Amino acid sequence: MGRDRSKSDLPTKVCPVCDLPFTWRKKWEKNWDEVKYCSERCRRRRSEAKE
């Protein structure tokens, strides 16, 4: 009935726009490898990224 994993056990990435770490979310389950940005706001501001 409880959670199988704690939040600290989930994979993380660093957003190239804000340089903050973000954690895996259920809605990204099918395309986690393609997720680059932590939020829609950072995705829109991607031209400011240091990539």
Protein backbone atom coordinates (compact mmCIF):
# COMPACT_ATOMS: atom_id res chain seq x y z
CA MET A 1 0.00 0.00 0.00
CA GLY A 2 2.98 2.30 0.51
CA ARG A 3 5.39 3.67 -2.02
CA ASP A 4 7.91 1.31 -3.56
CA ARG A 5 10.69 3.92 -3.76
CA SER A 6 11.58 6.99 -1.79
CA LYS A 7 12.07 10.23 -3.69
CA SER A 8 15.82 10.12 -3.07
CA ASP A 9 15.98 6.81 -4.99
CA LEU A 10 14.52 8.29 -8.18
CA PRO A 11 16.82 9.31 -11.05
CA THR A 12 17.74 12.98 -11.39
CA LYS A 13 19.04 15.30 -14.10
CA VAL A 14 20.32 18.89 -14.12
CA CYS A 15 18.39 21.46 -16.10
CA PRO A 16 20.69 23.25 -18.61
CA VAL A 17 18.77 26.54 -18.23
CA CYS A 18 18.52 27.01 -14.46
CA ASP A 19 21.30 24.55 -13.46
CA LEU A 20 19.08 23.00 -10.78
CA PRO A 21 18.58 19.27 -10.33
CA PHE A 22 15.16 17.80 -11.03
CA THR A 23 13.73 14.38 -10.27
CA TRP A 24 11.95 11.80 -12.40
CA ARG A 25 8.17 12.22 -12.59
CA LYS A 26 5.50 9.68 -13.45
CA LYS A 27 4.38 11.77 -16.45
CA TRP A 28 7.91 11.43 -17.89
CA GLU A 29 7.94 7.64 -17.49
CA LYS A 30 7.82 6.86 -21.22
CA ASN A 31 10.27 9.53 -22.40
CA TRP A 32 12.67 10.17 -19.50
CA ASP A 33 15.67 9.87 -21.86
CA GLU A 34 14.38 12.79 -23.94
CA VAL A 35 13.51 15.09 -21.01
CA LYS A 36 16.04 17.94 -20.80
CA TYR A 37 14.28 20.74 -18.94
CA CYS A 38 12.80 20.83 -15.44
CA SER A 39 9.76 22.86 -16.42
CA GLU A 40 7.83 24.41 -19.26
CA ARG A 41 9.28 27.79 -18.30
CA CYS A 42 12.85 26.52 -18.73
CA ARG A 43 11.95 24.83 -21.99
CA ARG A 44 10.71 28.17 -23.34
CA ARG A 45 13.89 29.91 -22.13
CA ARG A 46 16.20 27.29 -23.68
CA SER A 47 17.89 29.84 -25.96
CA GLU A 48 19.53 31.22 -22.82
CA ALA A 49 21.06 27.83 -21.98
CA LYS A 50 24.80 27.33 -22.02
CA GLU A 51 24.58 24.11 -24.11
